[in-house]
């Protein structure tokens, strides 16, 4: 059977905009050595100051079909990915 209608591909990974990635990365770098409780408290303060960024990113993700909690997704990215991301470049392999 031939399908003539175009289908949109299913998205499995919703990515943040470049501006949001940069802001989260900067936050995580500043708070890299914080204890978990302090990191979380700093995150709450940061989220309050970044209301416009969060709102814009939420709208962007919802328009692309994301149905989860955007703030939670942002926190997990900061806490578990960007915070632990190495800033050193790996040695060159020949």
PDB file of N, CA and C in Angstrom:
ATOM      1  N   UNK A   1       0.838  -1.168   0.000  1.00  0.00           N
ATOM      2  CA  UNK A   1       0.000   0.000   0.000  1.00  0.00           C
ATOM      3  C   UNK A   1       0.891   1.241   0.000  1.00  0.00           C
ATOM      4  N   UNK A   2       0.580   2.172  -0.802  1.00  0.00           N
ATOM      5  CA  UNK A   2       1.359   3.397  -0.945  1.00  0.00           C
ATOM      6  C   UNK A   2       0.733   4.504  -0.092  1.00  0.00           C
ATOM      7  N   UNK A   3       1.553   5.135   0.719  1.00  0.00           N
ATOM      8  CA  UNK A   3       1.090   6.256   1.540  1.00  0.00           C
ATOM      9  C   UNK A   3       1.422   7.555   0.829  1.00  0.00           C
ATOM     10  N   UNK A   4       0.409   8.359   0.608  1.00  0.00           N
ATOM     11  CA  UNK A   4       0.653   9.627  -0.068  1.00  0.00           C
ATOM     12  C   UNK A   4       0.780  10.790   0.909  1.00  0.00           C
ATOM     13  N   UNK A   5       0.280  10.621   2.111  1.00  0.00           N
ATOM     14  CA  UNK A   5       0.358  11.705   3.099  1.00  0.00           C
ATOM     15  C   UNK A   5       1.751  11.723   3.736  1.00  0.00           C
ATOM     16  N   UNK A   6       2.229  12.914   3.959  1.00  0.00           N
ATOM     17  CA  UNK A   6       3.520  13.053   4.639  1.00  0.00           C
ATOM     18  C   UNK A   6       3.324  12.833   6.125  1.00  0.00           C
ATOM     19  N   UNK A   7       4.245  12.118   6.719  1.00  0.00           N
ATOM     20  CA  UNK A   7       4.170  11.889   8.158  1.00  0.00           C
ATOM     21  C   UNK A   7       5.331  12.599   8.821  1.00  0.00           C
ATOM     22  N   UNK A   8       5.068  13.133   9.995  1.00  0.00           N
ATOM     23  CA  UNK A   8       6.146  13.774  10.738  1.00  0.00           C
ATOM     24  C   UNK A   8       6.825  12.727  11.598  1.00  0.00           C
ATOM     25  N   UNK A   9       8.136  12.763  11.650  1.00  0.00           N
ATOM     26  CA  UNK A   9       8.853  11.770  12.439  1.00  0.00           C
ATOM     27  C   UNK A   9       8.609  11.967  13.939  1.00  0.00           C
ATOM     28  N   UNK A  10       8.629  10.888  14.676  1.00  0.00           N
ATOM     29  CA  UNK A  10       8.480  10.948  16.119  1.00  0.00           C
ATOM     30  C   UNK A  10       9.774  11.458  16.729  1.00  0.00           C
ATOM     31  N   UNK A  11       9.641  12.420  17.638  1.00  0.00           N
ATOM     32  CA  UNK A  11      10.814  12.983  18.302  1.00  0.00           C
ATOM     33  C   UNK A  11      11.002  12.259  19.631  1.00  0.00           C
ATOM     34  N   UNK A  12      12.185  11.748  19.866  1.00  0.00           N
ATOM     35  CA  UNK A  12      12.476  11.038  21.098  1.00  0.00           C
ATOM     36  C   UNK A  12      13.365  11.862  22.033  1.00  0.00           C
ATOM     37  N   UNK A  13      14.010  12.870  21.477  1.00  0.00           N
ATOM     38  CA  UNK A  13      14.906  13.683  22.287  1.00  0.00           C
ATOM     39  C   UNK A  13      14.632  15.155  21.988  1.00  0.00           C
ATOM     40  N   UNK A  14      14.103  15.837  22.972  1.00  0.00           N
ATOM     41  CA  UNK A  14      13.786  17.250  22.820  1.00  0.00           C
ATOM     42  C   UNK A  14      14.970  18.076  23.307  1.00  0.00           C
ATOM     43  N   UNK A  15      15.518  18.868  22.415  1.00  0.00           N
ATOM     44  CA  UNK A  15      16.718  19.631  22.733  1.00  0.00           C
ATOM     45  C   UNK A  15      16.377  21.080  23.048  1.00  0.00           C
ATOM     46  N   UNK A  16      17.164  21.669  23.942  1.00  0.00           N
ATOM     47  CA  UNK A  16      17.006  23.061  24.305  1.00  0.00           C
ATOM     48  C   UNK A  16      17.564  23.955  23.202  1.00  0.00           C
ATOM     49  N   UNK A  17      17.126  25.196  23.205  1.00  0.00           N
ATOM     50  CA  UNK A  17      17.676  26.180  22.267  1.00  0.00           C
ATOM     51  C   UNK A  17      19.123  26.489  22.679  1.00  0.00           C
ATOM     52  N   UNK A  18      19.868  27.079  21.768  1.00  0.00           N
ATOM     53  CA  UNK A  18      21.277  27.403  22.031  1.00  0.00           C
ATOM     54  C   UNK A  18      21.403  28.373  23.204  1.00  0.00           C
ATOM     55  N   UNK A  19      20.503  29.352  23.288  1.00  0.00           N
ATOM     56  CA  UNK A  19      20.543  30.331  24.376  1.00  0.00           C
ATOM     57  C   UNK A  19      20.331  29.650  25.728  1.00  0.00           C
ATOM     58  N   UNK A  20      19.384  28.727  25.785  1.00  0.00           N
ATOM     59  CA  UNK A  20      19.110  28.013  27.030  1.00  0.00           C
ATOM     60  C   UNK A  20      20.276  27.107  27.406  1.00  0.00           C
ATOM     61  N   UNK A  21      20.822  26.416  26.439  1.00  0.00           N
ATOM     62  CA  UNK A  21      21.983  25.555  26.711  1.00  0.00           C
ATOM     63  C   UNK A  21      23.146  26.352  27.284  1.00  0.00           C
ATOM     64  N   UNK A  22      23.382  27.519  26.726  1.00  0.00           N
ATOM     65  CA  UNK A  22      24.473  28.356  27.203  1.00  0.00           C
ATOM     66  C   UNK A  22      24.223  28.819  28.638  1.00  0.00           C
ATOM     67  N   UNK A  23      22.985  29.222  28.932  1.00  0.00           N
ATOM     68  CA  UNK A  23      22.650  29.694  30.279  1.00  0.00           C
ATOM     69  C   UNK A  23      22.762  28.569  31.304  1.00  0.00           C
ATOM     70  N   UNK A  24      22.274  27.389  30.970  1.00  0.00           N
ATOM     71  CA  UNK A  24      22.344  26.240  31.884  1.00  0.00           C
ATOM     72  C   UNK A  24      23.802  25.823  32.088  1.00  0.00           C
ATOM     73  N   UNK A  25      24.552  25.804  31.007  1.00  0.00           N
ATOM     74  CA  UNK A  25      25.961  25.434  31.090  1.00  0.00           C
ATOM     75  C   UNK A  25      26.735  26.398  31.991  1.00  0.00           C
ATOM     76  N   UNK A  26      26.464  27.680  31.852  1.00  0.00           N
ATOM     77  CA  UNK A  26      27.131  28.684  32.690  1.00  0.00           C
ATOM     78  C   UNK A  26      26.761  28.489  34.158  1.00  0.00           C
ATOM     79  N   UNK A  27      25.476  28.285  34.436  1.00  0.00           N
ATOM     80  CA  UNK A  27      25.039  28.055  35.811  1.00  0.00           C
ATOM     81  C   UNK A  27      25.751  26.839  36.406  1.00  0.00           C
ATOM     82  N   UNK A  28      25.778  25.747  35.652  1.00  0.00           N
ATOM     83  CA  UNK A  28      26.397  24.515  36.141  1.00  0.00           C
ATOM     84  C   UNK A  28      27.891  24.697  36.397  1.00  0.00           C
ATOM     85  N   UNK A  29      28.560  25.458  35.552  1.00  0.00           N
ATOM     86  CA  UNK A  29      29.995  25.699  35.736  1.00  0.00           C
ATOM     87  C   UNK A  29      30.258  26.506  37.008  1.00  0.00           C
ATOM     88  N   UNK A  30      29.413  27.495  37.256  1.00  0.00           N
ATOM     89  CA  UNK A  30      29.573  28.323  38.455  1.00  0.00           C
ATOM     90  C   UNK A  30      29.336  27.502  39.721  1.00  0.00           C
ATOM     91  N   UNK A  31      28.393  26.589  39.671  1.00  0.00           N
ATOM     92  CA  UNK A  31      27.999  25.814  40.855  1.00  0.00           C
ATOM     93  C   UNK A  31      28.524  24.377  40.829  1.00  0.00           C
ATOM     94  N   UNK A  32      29.543  24.145  40.040  1.00  0.00           N
ATOM     95  CA  UNK A  32      30.109  22.806  39.859  1.00  0.00           C
ATOM     96  C   UNK A  32      30.482  22.110  41.173  1.00  0.00           C
ATOM     97  N   UNK A  33      31.028  22.838  42.120  1.00  0.00           N
ATOM     98  CA  UNK A  33      31.528  22.212  43.350  1.00  0.00           C
ATOM     99  C   UNK A  33      30.575  22.376  44.540  1.00  0.00           C
ATOM    100  N   UNK A  34      29.369  22.845  44.294  1.00  0.00           N
ATOM    101  CA  UNK A  34      28.376  22.964  45.365  1.00  0.00           C
ATOM    102  C   UNK A  34      27.927  21.584  45.837  1.00  0.00           C
ATOM    103  N   UNK A  35      27.579  21.498  47.097  1.00  0.00           N
ATOM    104  CA  UNK A  35      26.955  20.288  47.627  1.00  0.00           C
ATOM    105  C   UNK A  35      25.551  20.199  47.016  1.00  0.00           C
ATOM    106  N   UNK A  36      24.965  18.993  46.926  1.00  0.00           N
ATOM    107  CA  UNK A  36      23.649  18.845  46.290  1.00  0.00           C
ATOM    108  C   UNK A  36      22.564  19.784  46.838  1.00  0.00           C
ATOM    109  N   UNK A  37      22.494  19.944  48.143  1.00  0.00           N
ATOM    110  CA  UNK A  37      21.469  20.820  48.725  1.00  0.00           C
ATOM    111  C   UNK A  37      21.700  22.274  48.314  1.00  0.00           C
ATOM    112  N   UNK A  38      22.955  22.706  48.313  1.00  0.00           N
ATOM    113  CA  UNK A  38      23.269  24.076  47.906  1.00  0.00           C
ATOM    114  C   UNK A  38      23.017  24.276  46.413  1.00  0.00           C
ATOM    115  N   UNK A  39      23.340  23.273  45.628  1.00  0.00           N
ATOM    116  CA  UNK A  39      23.098  23.346  44.181  1.00  0.00           C
ATOM    117  C   UNK A  39      21.610  23.531  43.919  1.00  0.00           C
ATOM    118  N   UNK A  40      20.792  22.760  44.609  1.00  0.00           N
ATOM    119  CA  UNK A  40      19.344  22.836  44.418  1.00  0.00           C
ATOM    120  C   UNK A  40      18.800  24.200  44.836  1.00  0.00           C
ATOM    121  N   UNK A  41      19.289  24.727  45.940  1.00  0.00           N
ATOM    122  CA  UNK A  41      18.853  26.045  46.412  1.00  0.00           C
ATOM    123  C   UNK A  41      19.267  27.136  45.427  1.00  0.00           C
ATOM    124  N   UNK A  42      20.473  27.053  44.922  1.00  0.00           N
ATOM    125  CA  UNK A  42      20.944  28.013  43.927  1.00  0.00           C
ATOM    126  C   UNK A  42      20.127  27.910  42.649  1.00  0.00           C
ATOM    127  N   UNK A  43      19.742  26.690  42.305  1.00  0.00           N
ATOM    128  CA  UNK A  43      18.915  26.482  41.115  1.00  0.00           C
ATOM    129  C   UNK A  43      17.562  27.170  41.267  1.00  0.00           C
ATOM    130  N   UNK A  44      16.949  27.037  42.419  1.00  0.00           N
ATOM    131  CA  UNK A  44      15.649  27.679  42.662  1.00  0.00           C
ATOM    132  C   UNK A  44      15.755  29.190  42.489  1.00  0.00           C
ATOM    133  N   UNK A  45      16.817  29.767  43.007  1.00  0.00           N
ATOM    134  CA  UNK A  45      17.035  31.212  42.870  1.00  0.00           C
ATOM    135  C   UNK A  45      17.273  31.583  41.408  1.00  0.00           C
ATOM    136  N   UNK A  46      18.059  30.772  40.714  1.00  0.00           N
ATOM    137  CA  UNK A  46      18.369  31.043  39.313  1.00  0.00           C
ATOM    138  C   UNK A  46      17.116  30.983  38.449  1.00  0.00           C
ATOM    139  N   UNK A  47      16.281  29.979  38.672  1.00  0.00           N
ATOM    140  CA  UNK A  47      15.039  29.818  37.912  1.00  0.00           C
ATOM    141  C   UNK A  47      14.152  31.051  38.066  1.00  0.00           C
ATOM    142  N   UNK A  48      14.089  31.597  39.279  1.00  0.00           N
ATOM    143  CA  UNK A  48      13.273  32.791  39.515  1.00  0.00           C
ATOM    144  C   UNK A  48      13.802  33.993  38.743  1.00  0.00           C
ATOM    145  N   UNK A  49      15.118  34.102  38.613  1.00  0.00           N
ATOM    146  CA  UNK A  49      15.700  35.237  37.900  1.00  0.00           C
ATOM    147  C   UNK A  49      15.663  35.054  36.387  1.00  0.00           C
ATOM    148  N   UNK A  50      15.454  33.823  35.930  1.00  0.00           N
ATOM    149  CA  UNK A  50      15.452  33.515  34.497  1.00  0.00           C
ATOM    150  C   UNK A  50      14.038  33.230  33.976  1.00  0.00           C
ATOM    151  N   UNK A  51      13.055  33.915  34.529  1.00  0.00           N
ATOM    152  CA  UNK A  51      11.653  33.649  34.203  1.00  0.00           C
ATOM    153  C   UNK A  51      11.364  33.757  32.697  1.00  0.00           C
ATOM    154  N   UNK A  52      11.905  34.779  32.045  1.00  0.00           N
ATOM    155  CA  UNK A  52      11.650  34.967  30.614  1.00  0.00           C
ATOM    156  C   UNK A  52      12.270  33.839  29.788  1.00  0.00           C
ATOM    157  N   UNK A  53      13.497  33.455  30.115  1.00  0.00           N
ATOM    158  CA  UNK A  53      14.170  32.366  29.414  1.00  0.00           C
ATOM    159  C   UNK A  53      13.390  31.062  29.566  1.00  0.00           C
ATOM    160  N   UNK A  54      12.950  30.776  30.786  1.00  0.00           N
ATOM    161  CA  UNK A  54      12.201  29.544  31.053  1.00  0.00           C
ATOM    162  C   UNK A  54      10.882  29.550  30.300  1.00  0.00           C
ATOM    163  N   UNK A  55      10.211  30.674  30.294  1.00  0.00           N
ATOM    164  CA  UNK A  55       8.933  30.797  29.597  1.00  0.00           C
ATOM    165  C   UNK A  55       9.092  30.572  28.090  1.00  0.00           C
ATOM    166  N   UNK A  56      10.102  31.202  27.526  1.00  0.00           N
ATOM    167  CA  UNK A  56      10.375  31.050  26.092  1.00  0.00           C
ATOM    168  C   UNK A  56      10.725  29.611  25.755  1.00  0.00           C
ATOM    169  N   UNK A  57      11.561  28.996  26.577  1.00  0.00           N
ATOM    170  CA  UNK A  57      11.975  27.608  26.329  1.00  0.00           C
ATOM    171  C   UNK A  57      10.796  26.658  26.484  1.00  0.00           C
ATOM    172  N   UNK A  58       9.944  26.902  27.476  1.00  0.00           N
ATOM    173  CA  UNK A  58       8.755  26.070  27.674  1.00  0.00           C
ATOM    174  C   UNK A  58       7.864  26.124  26.442  1.00  0.00           C
ATOM    175  N   UNK A  59       7.650  27.316  25.926  1.00  0.00           N
ATOM    176  CA  UNK A  59       6.823  27.490  24.731  1.00  0.00           C
ATOM    177  C   UNK A  59       7.442  26.746  23.546  1.00  0.00           C
ATOM    178  N   UNK A  60       8.746  26.896  23.381  1.00  0.00           N
ATOM    179  CA  UNK A  60       9.468  26.238  22.283  1.00  0.00           C
ATOM    180  C   UNK A  60       9.314  24.718  22.351  1.00  0.00           C
ATOM    181  N   UNK A  61       9.523  24.153  23.521  1.00  0.00           N
ATOM    182  CA  UNK A  61       9.429  22.694  23.666  1.00  0.00           C
ATOM    183  C   UNK A  61       7.999  22.201  23.476  1.00  0.00           C
ATOM    184  N   UNK A  62       7.020  22.918  24.014  1.00  0.00           N
ATOM    185  CA  UNK A  62       5.610  22.522  23.870  1.00  0.00           C
ATOM    186  C   UNK A  62       5.187  22.539  22.397  1.00  0.00           C
ATOM    187  N   UNK A  63       5.647  23.557  21.661  1.00  0.00           N
ATOM    188  CA  UNK A  63       5.324  23.649  20.235  1.00  0.00           C
ATOM    189  C   UNK A  63       5.893  22.474  19.453  1.00  0.00           C
ATOM    190  N   UNK A  64       6.973  21.906  19.953  1.00  0.00           N
ATOM    191  CA  UNK A  64       7.588  20.752  19.294  1.00  0.00           C
ATOM    192  C   UNK A  64       7.088  19.411  19.822  1.00  0.00           C
ATOM    193  N   UNK A  65       6.096  19.451  20.742  1.00  0.00           N
ATOM    194  CA  UNK A  65       5.471  18.223  21.195  1.00  0.00           C
ATOM    195  C   UNK A  65       5.910  17.708  22.545  1.00  0.00           C
ATOM    196  N   UNK A  66       6.784  18.422  23.239  1.00  0.00           N
ATOM    197  CA  UNK A  66       7.238  17.960  24.560  1.00  0.00           C
ATOM    198  C   UNK A  66       6.114  18.145  25.569  1.00  0.00           C
ATOM    199  N   UNK A  67       5.816  17.108  26.344  1.00  0.00           N
ATOM    200  CA  UNK A  67       4.710  17.167  27.295  1.00  0.00           C
ATOM    201  C   UNK A  67       5.174  17.067  28.744  1.00  0.00           C
ATOM    202  N   UNK A  68       6.461  16.981  28.986  1.00  0.00           N
ATOM    203  CA  UNK A  68       6.981  16.823  30.341  1.00  0.00           C
ATOM    204  C   UNK A  68       7.148  18.149  31.070  1.00  0.00           C
ATOM    205  N   UNK A  69       7.719  18.077  32.255  1.00  0.00           N
ATOM    206  CA  UNK A  69       7.984  19.249  33.081  1.00  0.00           C
ATOM    207  C   UNK A  69       9.294  19.894  32.617  1.00  0.00           C
ATOM    208  N   UNK A  70       9.191  21.073  32.029  1.00  0.00           N
ATOM    209  CA  UNK A  70      10.357  21.734  31.435  1.00  0.00           C
ATOM    210  C   UNK A  70      11.386  22.118  32.491  1.00  0.00           C
ATOM    211  N   UNK A  71      10.938  22.680  33.607  1.00  0.00           N
ATOM    212  CA  UNK A  71      11.877  23.074  34.657  1.00  0.00           C
ATOM    213  C   UNK A  71      12.635  21.868  35.196  1.00  0.00           C
ATOM    214  N   UNK A  72      11.947  20.751  35.320  1.00  0.00           N
ATOM    215  CA  UNK A  72      12.583  19.517  35.794  1.00  0.00           C
ATOM    216  C   UNK A  72      13.621  19.034  34.777  1.00  0.00           C
ATOM    217  N   UNK A  73      13.272  19.108  33.503  1.00  0.00           N
ATOM    218  CA  UNK A  73      14.210  18.715  32.445  1.00  0.00           C
ATOM    219  C   UNK A  73      15.455  19.601  32.478  1.00  0.00           C
ATOM    220  N   UNK A  74      15.255  20.895  32.689  1.00  0.00           N
ATOM    221  CA  UNK A  74      16.369  21.829  32.754  1.00  0.00           C
ATOM    222  C   UNK A  74      17.254  21.530  33.966  1.00  0.00           C
ATOM    223  N   UNK A  75      16.632  21.272  35.115  1.00  0.00           N
ATOM    224  CA  UNK A  75      17.390  20.978  36.334  1.00  0.00           C
ATOM    225  C   UNK A  75      18.232  19.721  36.164  1.00  0.00           C
ATOM    226  N   UNK A  76      17.623  18.682  35.628  1.00  0.00           N
ATOM    227  CA  UNK A  76      18.351  17.418  35.443  1.00  0.00           C
ATOM    228  C   UNK A  76      19.522  17.597  34.480  1.00  0.00           C
ATOM    229  N   UNK A  77      19.333  18.408  33.456  1.00  0.00           N
ATOM    230  CA  UNK A  77      20.431  18.681  32.522  1.00  0.00           C
ATOM    231  C   UNK A  77      21.572  19.388  33.232  1.00  0.00           C
ATOM    232  N   UNK A  78      21.222  20.386  34.039  1.00  0.00           N
ATOM    233  CA  UNK A  78      22.252  21.137  34.772  1.00  0.00           C
ATOM    234  C   UNK A  78      22.954  20.249  35.786  1.00  0.00           C
ATOM    235  N   UNK A  79      22.191  19.524  36.550  1.00  0.00           N
ATOM    236  CA  UNK A  79      22.716  18.751  37.683  1.00  0.00           C
ATOM    237  C   UNK A  79      23.508  17.520  37.251  1.00  0.00           C
ATOM    238  N   UNK A  80      23.005  16.799  36.269  1.00  0.00           N
ATOM    239  CA  UNK A  80      23.612  15.514  35.940  1.00  0.00           C
ATOM    240  C   UNK A  80      24.453  15.518  34.666  1.00  0.00           C
ATOM    241  N   UNK A  81      24.261  16.496  33.806  1.00  0.00           N
ATOM    242  CA  UNK A  81      25.064  16.515  32.584  1.00  0.00           C
ATOM    243  C   UNK A  81      26.087  17.646  32.610  1.00  0.00           C
ATOM    244  N   UNK A  82      25.618  18.875  32.662  1.00  0.00           N
ATOM    245  CA  UNK A  82      26.533  20.008  32.568  1.00  0.00           C
ATOM    246  C   UNK A  82      27.448  20.142  33.772  1.00  0.00           C
ATOM    247  N   UNK A  83      26.959  19.847  34.957  1.00  0.00           N
ATOM    248  CA  UNK A  83      27.782  19.974  36.158  1.00  0.00           C
ATOM    249  C   UNK A  83      28.977  19.021  36.110  1.00  0.00           C
ATOM    250  N   UNK A  84      28.766  17.839  35.591  1.00  0.00           N
ATOM    251  CA  UNK A  84      29.809  16.814  35.576  1.00  0.00           C
ATOM    252  C   UNK A  84      30.591  16.759  34.263  1.00  0.00           C
ATOM    253  N   UNK A  85      30.214  17.597  33.326  1.00  0.00           N
ATOM    254  CA  UNK A  85      30.880  17.600  32.029  1.00  0.00           C
ATOM    255  C   UNK A  85      32.296  18.140  32.175  1.00  0.00           C
ATOM    256  N   UNK A  86      33.237  17.423  31.644  1.00  0.00           N
ATOM    257  CA  UNK A  86      34.639  17.809  31.739  1.00  0.00           C
ATOM    258  C   UNK A  86      34.926  19.000  30.832  1.00  0.00           C
ATOM    259  N   UNK A  87      35.760  19.901  31.315  1.00  0.00           N
ATOM    260  CA  UNK A  87      36.163  21.053  30.504  1.00  0.00           C
ATOM    261  C   UNK A  87      37.488  20.791  29.798  1.00  0.00           C
ATOM    262  N   UNK A  88      38.121  19.667  30.104  1.00  0.00           N
ATOM    263  CA  UNK A  88      39.397  19.313  29.478  1.00  0.00           C
ATOM    264  C   UNK A  88      39.152  18.574  28.170  1.00  0.00           C
ATOM    265  N   UNK A  89      39.993  18.865  27.202  1.00  0.00           N
ATOM    266  CA  UNK A  89      39.891  18.162  25.932  1.00  0.00           C
ATOM    267  C   UNK A  89      40.635  16.844  26.054  1.00  0.00           C
ATOM    268  N   UNK A  90      40.077  15.775  25.483  1.00  0.00           N
ATOM    269  CA  UNK A  90      40.776  14.490  25.539  1.00  0.00           C
ATOM    270  C   UNK A  90      42.047  14.542  24.697  1.00  0.00           C
ATOM    271  N   UNK A  91      43.037  13.739  25.048  1.00  0.00           N
ATOM    272  CA  UNK A  91      44.285  13.735  24.270  1.00  0.00           C
ATOM    273  C   UNK A  91      44.038  13.246  22.850  1.00  0.00           C
ATOM    274  N   UNK A  92      44.810  13.792  21.933  1.00  0.00           N
ATOM    275  CA  UNK A  92      44.685  13.433  20.530  1.00  0.00           C
ATOM    276  C   UNK A  92      45.211  12.014  20.305  1.00  0.00           C
ATOM    277  N   UNK A  93      44.411  11.208  19.621  1.00  0.00           N
ATOM    278  CA  UNK A  93      44.841   9.839  19.300  1.00  0.00           C
ATOM    279  C   UNK A  93      45.155   9.749  17.826  1.00  0.00           C
ATOM    280  N   UNK A  94      46.275   9.120  17.537  1.00  0.00           N
ATOM    281  CA  UNK A  94      46.684   8.970  16.133  1.00  0.00           C
ATOM    282  C   UNK A  94      46.195   7.682  15.584  1.00  0.00           C
TER     283      UNK A  94
END
